[in-house]
Protein backbone atom coordinates (compact mmCIF):
# COMPACT_ATOMS: atom_id res chain seq x y z
CA MET A 1 34.26 -107.69 128.33
CA ILE A 2 36.79 -110.59 128.48
CA ALA A 3 39.94 -110.63 126.39
CA GLU A 4 39.94 -113.44 123.86
CA PRO A 5 41.17 -116.54 125.76
CA ASP A 6 44.06 -118.41 124.60
CA CYS A 7 42.18 -121.76 124.52
CA HIS A 8 39.85 -120.23 121.97
CA LYS A 9 42.65 -118.71 119.94
CA ARG A 10 44.27 -122.27 119.88
CA GLY A 11 40.91 -123.90 118.63
CA CYS A 12 40.18 -125.93 121.69
CA ARG A 13 37.21 -128.29 120.74
CA HIS A 14 36.08 -128.12 124.20
CA PHE A 15 35.73 -124.23 124.60
CA GLY A 16 32.12 -123.48 125.75
CA GLY A 17 32.38 -119.56 125.38
CA VAL A 18 31.65 -116.85 127.86
CA GLU A 19 28.82 -116.96 130.33
CA GLN A 20 27.21 -114.34 132.62
CA PRO A 21 26.03 -116.02 135.67
CA ASP A 22 24.22 -113.07 136.90
CA GLY A 23 23.30 -111.57 133.58
CA THR A 24 26.05 -108.74 133.86
CA GLU A 25 29.38 -108.12 132.13
CA LEU A 26 30.94 -107.88 135.61
CA SER A 27 30.23 -111.76 136.12
CA GLU A 28 31.66 -112.87 132.90
CA VAL A 29 33.54 -116.16 133.14
CA VAL A 30 35.09 -118.41 130.37
CA VAL A 31 33.87 -121.96 130.53
CA CYS A 32 34.33 -125.67 129.20
CA PRO A 33 33.35 -129.05 130.51
CA ALA A 34 36.72 -129.23 132.58
CA TYR A 35 35.88 -125.95 134.19
CA PRO A 36 32.14 -125.33 134.34
CA ASP A 37 32.49 -122.49 136.75
CA GLY A 38 35.35 -120.70 134.91
CA ILE A 39 38.63 -121.58 133.35
CA PRO A 40 41.39 -120.46 135.34
CA ARG A 41 43.42 -117.33 134.23
CA ARG A 42 46.55 -119.56 134.08
CA ILE A 43 44.96 -121.33 131.13
CA THR A 44 42.69 -118.44 129.40
CA LEU A 45 45.43 -115.74 129.48
CA ASP A 46 48.65 -116.70 131.16
CA GLY A 47 49.87 -119.33 128.63
CA GLU A 48 49.31 -122.62 130.28
CA LEU A 49 48.37 -125.10 127.47
CA HIS A 50 46.19 -127.58 129.64
CA LEU A 51 47.60 -130.69 128.19
CA THR A 52 47.32 -132.84 131.32
CA ALA A 53 44.45 -133.01 133.56
CA GLN A 54 44.49 -130.78 136.66
CA LYS A 55 43.60 -131.18 140.09
CA ASP A 56 41.24 -128.34 140.17
CA GLN A 57 39.26 -129.42 137.17
CA VAL A 58 36.09 -131.71 136.54
CA GLY A 59 36.99 -135.05 134.76
CA SER A 60 39.84 -135.60 132.52
CA ILE A 61 39.10 -133.29 129.43
CA VAL A 62 42.28 -131.46 128.25
CA PHE A 63 43.11 -129.41 125.12
CA GLU A 64 42.14 -130.93 122.02
CA GLU A 65 42.34 -129.05 118.72
CA THR A 66 39.18 -128.61 116.77
CA THR A 67 39.18 -130.50 113.73
CA LEU A 68 37.00 -130.09 110.50
CA ASP A 69 34.73 -132.96 111.83
CA ASP A 70 33.99 -130.77 114.92
CA ARG A 71 32.77 -127.58 112.94
CA PRO A 72 28.88 -127.23 112.50
CA GLU A 73 27.80 -127.87 108.72
CA GLU A 74 26.56 -124.58 107.26
CA ASP A 75 23.13 -124.41 105.99
CA GLU A 76 22.85 -124.48 102.01
CA GLY A 77 19.83 -122.21 101.61
């Protein structure tokens, strides 16, 4: 099991969760659109804030805090 990533704790709207590419816990990676194959440890655990695009990422997505508008609506039923 992976420790809770910093990007999730900080509420990044792009956080994609944890994936298990081979279906096992041993292959778990934390993903987002900028790092679909796994967010680097320097961002998930070592304190890098990812406020600027990095050479090793896909596209130009960087940390953006989740807002109330980003949260899914709850069912009223």
